[in-house]
Protein backbone atom coordinates (compact mmCIF):
# COMPACT_ATOMS: atom_id res chain seq x y z
CA MET A 1 -17.18 -266.07 -140.83
CA LYS A 2 -19.17 -265.26 -143.95
CA ARG A 3 -21.97 -263.82 -141.84
CA THR A 4 -19.56 -261.61 -139.94
CA LEU A 5 -17.97 -260.39 -143.17
CA TYR A 6 -21.42 -259.64 -144.59
CA LYS A 7 -22.31 -257.52 -141.53
CA ILE A 8 -19.08 -255.57 -141.87
CA LEU A 9 -19.77 -254.85 -145.54
CA VAL A 10 -23.30 -253.68 -144.76
CA MET A 11 -22.01 -251.32 -142.06
CA LEU A 12 -19.38 -249.91 -144.41
CA CYS A 13 -22.01 -249.28 -147.07
CA LEU A 14 -24.24 -247.47 -144.59
CA MET A 15 -21.32 -245.33 -143.42
CA PHE A 16 -20.40 -244.48 -147.03
CA VAL A 17 -23.98 -243.38 -147.82
CA ALA A 18 -24.11 -241.28 -144.67
CA CYS A 19 -20.81 -239.55 -145.46
CA GLU A 20 -21.87 -238.95 -149.04
CA SER A 21 -25.10 -237.30 -147.85
CA GLU A 22 -23.19 -235.00 -145.53
CA THR A 23 -20.80 -233.87 -148.29
CA ASP A 24 -23.31 -233.39 -151.11
CA VAL A 25 -22.24 -230.47 -153.32
CA VAL A 26 -24.96 -227.88 -153.79
CA GLY A 27 -25.75 -227.60 -157.50
CA VAL A 28 -26.53 -224.49 -159.51
CA SER A 29 -30.17 -225.55 -159.65
CA ASP A 30 -30.39 -225.06 -155.86
CA TYR A 31 -30.02 -221.29 -156.25
CA ASN A 32 -32.28 -218.57 -157.58
CA LEU A 33 -30.06 -217.25 -160.36
CA ILE A 34 -31.03 -213.78 -161.51
CA SER A 35 -30.01 -211.86 -164.63
CA PHE A 36 -30.73 -208.66 -166.56
CA GLN A 37 -32.37 -208.80 -169.97
CA ASP A 38 -29.00 -208.11 -171.67
CA ASP A 39 -25.39 -207.46 -170.75
CA ASN A 40 -25.52 -204.35 -172.95
CA PHE A 41 -28.51 -202.11 -173.60
CA ASN A 42 -28.24 -198.91 -175.64
CA PHE A 43 -30.01 -196.18 -173.68
CA GLU A 44 -31.48 -193.74 -176.21
CA LEU A 45 -31.57 -190.33 -174.58
CA ASN A 46 -33.22 -187.22 -175.99
CA GLN A 47 -30.60 -184.53 -176.45
CA ASP A 48 -30.98 -181.87 -173.74
CA GLY A 49 -33.93 -183.87 -172.40
CA VAL A 50 -35.02 -186.70 -170.14
CA SER A 51 -35.65 -190.32 -171.14
CA THR A 52 -36.98 -193.33 -169.20
CA LYS A 53 -36.38 -196.95 -170.18
CA THR A 54 -37.80 -200.17 -168.74
CA ILE A 55 -35.34 -202.92 -167.75
CA THR A 56 -36.40 -206.55 -167.27
CA VAL A 57 -34.94 -208.91 -164.68
CA TYR A 58 -35.26 -212.70 -164.90
CA ASN A 59 -35.11 -215.41 -162.25
CA SER A 60 -34.09 -219.03 -162.95
CA ARG A 61 -37.04 -220.48 -161.03
CA THR A 62 -40.27 -219.40 -159.41
CA SER A 63 -40.86 -218.88 -155.72
CA SER A 64 -44.02 -219.27 -153.65
CA SER A 65 -43.44 -215.77 -152.26
CA ASP A 66 -42.18 -212.43 -153.56
CA VAL A 67 -38.39 -212.20 -153.94
CA THR A 68 -36.64 -208.84 -153.71
CA TYR A 69 -33.16 -208.16 -155.09
CA ASN A 70 -31.14 -205.05 -154.27
CA LEU A 71 -29.75 -202.98 -157.13
CA GLU A 72 -26.64 -200.82 -157.20
CA VAL A 73 -25.00 -198.41 -159.62
CA LEU A 74 -21.47 -199.69 -160.19
CA PRO A 75 -18.76 -197.00 -159.85
CA LEU A 76 -16.32 -196.12 -162.61
CA GLU A 77 -13.52 -198.22 -161.11
CA PHE A 78 -15.61 -201.40 -161.39
CA ASN A 79 -13.87 -204.09 -163.45
CA GLY A 80 -10.88 -201.97 -164.36
CA GLY A 81 -12.71 -198.78 -165.23
CA SER A 82 -15.77 -200.17 -167.03
CA GLY A 83 -18.32 -198.86 -164.52
CA SER A 84 -20.63 -195.84 -164.68
CA THR A 85 -19.43 -192.47 -165.95
CA ILE A 86 -22.61 -190.55 -165.02
CA ALA A 87 -22.95 -188.53 -161.83
CA SER A 88 -25.85 -189.41 -159.53
CA ASP A 89 -27.52 -186.04 -160.22
CA TYR A 90 -28.41 -187.22 -163.73
CA TYR A 91 -30.04 -190.62 -163.18
CA ASN A 92 -32.80 -192.23 -161.14
CA VAL A 93 -32.51 -195.96 -160.38
CA PRO A 94 -34.66 -197.83 -157.81
CA SER A 95 -32.84 -199.44 -154.89
CA SER A 96 -34.41 -202.85 -155.53
CA VAL A 97 -36.60 -204.91 -157.81
CA THR A 98 -39.18 -207.49 -156.66
CA ILE A 99 -40.16 -210.58 -158.63
CA PRO A 100 -43.72 -211.53 -157.63
CA ALA A 101 -44.61 -214.96 -156.29
CA ASN A 102 -44.89 -217.65 -158.98
CA GLU A 103 -43.30 -215.35 -161.57
CA ARG A 104 -39.88 -215.47 -163.20
CA SER A 105 -39.45 -211.84 -164.24
CA ALA A 106 -40.05 -208.27 -163.15
CA GLN A 107 -39.39 -204.80 -164.52
CA PHE A 108 -38.11 -201.48 -163.23
CA ASP A 109 -37.60 -198.04 -164.79
CA VAL A 110 -34.34 -196.14 -165.23
CA THR A 111 -34.44 -192.39 -165.94
CA ILE A 112 -31.48 -190.35 -167.24
CA ILE A 113 -31.22 -186.58 -167.75
CA ASP A 114 -28.93 -185.40 -170.55
CA ASN A 115 -25.89 -183.46 -169.39
CA SER A 116 -24.11 -183.12 -172.74
CA PHE A 117 -23.16 -186.77 -172.55
CA GLY A 118 -20.89 -188.23 -175.21
CA SER A 119 -20.65 -191.62 -176.90
CA SER A 120 -18.35 -192.98 -174.16
CA ASP A 121 -20.76 -192.26 -171.30
CA ARG A 122 -22.69 -195.11 -169.70
CA LEU A 123 -24.69 -196.23 -166.68
CA VAL A 124 -23.80 -199.66 -165.28
CA LEU A 125 -26.05 -201.57 -162.86
CA GLY A 126 -25.49 -204.70 -160.81
CA PHE A 127 -27.09 -206.72 -158.02
CA ALA A 128 -25.96 -205.70 -154.54
CA ASP A 129 -26.81 -209.08 -152.94
CA GLU A 130 -23.83 -211.33 -152.26
CA ASP A 131 -25.53 -214.72 -151.75
CA PHE A 132 -25.58 -215.94 -155.35
CA ALA A 133 -24.03 -219.17 -156.62
CA LEU A 134 -22.64 -217.30 -159.58
CA ASN A 135 -21.71 -213.64 -159.95
CA PRO A 136 -24.41 -212.32 -162.32
CA HIS A 137 -23.33 -210.07 -165.14
CA PRO A 138 -24.09 -206.37 -164.70
CA ILE A 139 -25.97 -204.45 -167.36
CA SER A 140 -24.03 -201.71 -169.15
CA MET A 141 -26.18 -198.99 -170.73
CA PRO A 142 -24.16 -196.84 -173.17
CA ILE A 143 -25.79 -193.47 -173.82
CA VAL A 144 -27.03 -192.95 -177.38
CA ILE A 145 -28.16 -189.36 -177.92
CA VAL A 146 -31.19 -189.06 -180.18
CA CYS A 147 -32.81 -185.95 -181.55
CA PRO A 148 -36.56 -185.53 -180.89
CA VAL A 149 -36.87 -182.93 -183.66
CA ASN A 150 -34.41 -182.25 -186.53
CA GLU A 151 -30.85 -183.57 -186.40
CA LEU A 152 -27.99 -181.73 -188.06
CA VAL A 153 -24.75 -183.71 -188.32
CA LEU A 154 -21.46 -181.92 -189.00
CA ASP A 155 -18.67 -184.23 -190.17
CA ILE A 156 -15.23 -182.59 -190.45
CA THR A 157 -11.94 -184.12 -191.58
CA PHE A 158 -9.20 -181.63 -190.80
CA ASP A 159 -6.15 -180.79 -192.87
CA SER A 160 -2.65 -180.64 -191.38
CA TYR A 161 -3.50 -177.44 -189.48
CA ALA A 162 -6.66 -178.29 -187.56
CA GLU A 163 -6.20 -175.37 -185.16
CA GLU A 164 -7.03 -173.00 -188.04
CA THR A 165 -10.56 -174.42 -188.41
CA SER A 166 -13.66 -173.19 -186.58
CA TRP A 167 -17.40 -173.06 -187.29
CA GLU A 168 -20.65 -171.40 -186.19
CA LEU A 169 -24.34 -172.18 -186.55
CA TYR A 170 -26.96 -169.39 -186.48
CA ILE A 171 -30.75 -169.43 -186.35
CA ASP A 172 -33.00 -166.67 -187.75
CA ILE A 173 -30.26 -166.00 -190.28
CA ASN A 174 -32.54 -163.79 -192.42
CA THR A 175 -33.86 -161.57 -189.62
CA SER A 176 -31.82 -161.45 -186.41
CA PRO A 177 -29.03 -164.07 -186.52
CA THR A 178 -28.51 -165.80 -183.16
CA LEU A 179 -25.56 -168.10 -182.50
CA ILE A 180 -26.77 -171.51 -181.26
CA ALA A 181 -23.68 -173.72 -181.68
CA SER A 182 -19.99 -173.38 -182.49
CA GLY A 183 -16.69 -175.22 -182.47
CA SER A 184 -12.98 -174.36 -182.36
CA GLY A 185 -9.73 -175.27 -180.61
CA TYR A 186 -8.95 -178.40 -182.59
CA ASP A 187 -5.18 -178.08 -182.04
CA ASP A 188 -4.50 -181.80 -181.53
CA LEU A 189 -6.65 -183.11 -184.39
CA ASP A 190 -4.42 -182.60 -187.45
CA ASN A 191 -5.61 -184.90 -190.29
CA GLU A 192 -8.25 -186.43 -187.98
CA SER A 193 -12.05 -186.31 -188.00
CA ILE A 194 -14.88 -185.26 -185.69
CA ILE A 195 -18.65 -185.60 -185.81
CA GLU A 196 -20.95 -183.08 -184.13
CA ARG A 197 -24.68 -183.81 -183.70
CA ILE A 198 -26.99 -180.84 -183.13
CA CYS A 199 -30.74 -180.87 -182.51
CA ILE A 200 -32.55 -177.95 -184.11
CA GLU A 201 -36.14 -176.77 -184.32
CA ASP A 202 -37.76 -175.51 -187.51
CA GLY A 203 -36.44 -172.19 -188.77
CA ASP A 204 -33.94 -170.43 -191.04
CA PHE A 205 -30.31 -171.34 -190.41
CA GLY A 206 -26.85 -170.28 -191.48
CA PHE A 207 -23.73 -172.43 -191.08
CA VAL A 208 -20.28 -170.82 -191.41
CA ILE A 209 -16.94 -172.66 -191.50
CA TYR A 210 -13.74 -170.62 -191.11
CA ASP A 211 -10.05 -171.10 -191.86
CA ALA A 212 -7.73 -168.72 -190.03
CA PHE A 213 -5.06 -168.92 -192.76
CA SER A 214 -7.66 -168.26 -195.50
CA ASP A 215 -6.78 -171.39 -197.50
CA GLY A 216 -9.68 -173.70 -196.57
CA ILE A 217 -9.06 -177.26 -195.41
CA CYS A 218 -8.21 -178.76 -198.80
CA CYS A 219 -5.97 -179.36 -200.55
CA GLY A 220 -2.70 -177.49 -200.10
CA PHE A 221 -1.86 -178.89 -196.66
CA GLY A 222 -3.83 -182.11 -196.37
CA GLN A 223 -7.03 -183.59 -197.74
CA GLY A 224 -9.55 -181.98 -195.41
CA SER A 225 -13.29 -181.85 -196.04
CA TYR A 226 -16.62 -181.31 -194.29
CA SER A 227 -20.25 -182.22 -194.81
CA LEU A 228 -23.59 -181.12 -193.37
CA ILE A 229 -26.23 -183.85 -193.04
CA LEU A 230 -29.78 -182.83 -192.18
CA ASN A 231 -32.15 -185.61 -191.09
CA GLY A 232 -30.07 -188.12 -193.04
CA ASP A 233 -29.65 -186.08 -196.24
CA VAL A 234 -26.39 -184.40 -197.24
CA ILE A 235 -27.08 -180.70 -197.81
CA LYS A 236 -23.49 -179.48 -198.20
CA GLU A 237 -20.04 -180.92 -198.87
CA GLY A 238 -16.85 -178.95 -199.26
CA GLY A 239 -13.29 -178.23 -198.24
CA SER A 240 -11.85 -175.92 -200.88
CA PHE A 241 -12.66 -172.38 -199.76
CA GLY A 242 -10.77 -169.29 -198.64
CA ALA A 243 -11.30 -167.66 -195.26
CA SER A 244 -14.86 -168.92 -194.83
CA GLU A 245 -17.85 -170.58 -196.47
CA VAL A 246 -21.54 -170.02 -195.68
CA THR A 247 -24.41 -172.50 -196.13
CA THR A 248 -28.01 -171.47 -195.50
CA PHE A 249 -31.00 -173.80 -195.15
CA SER A 250 -34.54 -173.74 -193.82
CA LEU A 251 -36.86 -176.10 -191.94
CA PRO A 252 -39.43 -177.23 -192.70
């Protein structure tokens, strides 16, 4: 009887081991998990120019052969509207990236052409392959416009009648003034602020700010003000003027 019971127990143990082997859960370590260098990467783009940045991709383990992963630009509707805002005419992204054998990382280049992008514009990339254990995070690249030469920053806080304010920037102000930038139509920005960034070459410049009611932007109808910042230095601050105010400056 004892011998029979022992045989039954042995058979049950063998069956349990066999079943356990058939139902083993595949662990995360059984997959090649891939990721971008960061979830967010500020893409510094030359204003009115072209910039190329190198992106690094990492794998969780090495392989004895090359491994290729497909890339895709995620559309705007991705994840509730957090995808790319840039049209395909203004970027160049490779269709895939290959991690060499016995390596855990690889790099690829992304090129973007400026199209008057703003601070809310971005390019978002993901992996097109669907056979991952975990859904890897995409990489979001917000556009940061940088100036390759001189940067002029105009910071305006409007009064209660923003629609009355406008401005113009001229080059060659002392010889043949040529308009190179301007702003107006601020109807919905009463008591709010804007920042304009303008890249300029060396030369002689004239900046003019206007008020259509000839009472400036301070202080009868709100506490408006403006400042001009050239390469990090404030060259003009104001707000109390009549119909207009002119500031001239030269570079270098």
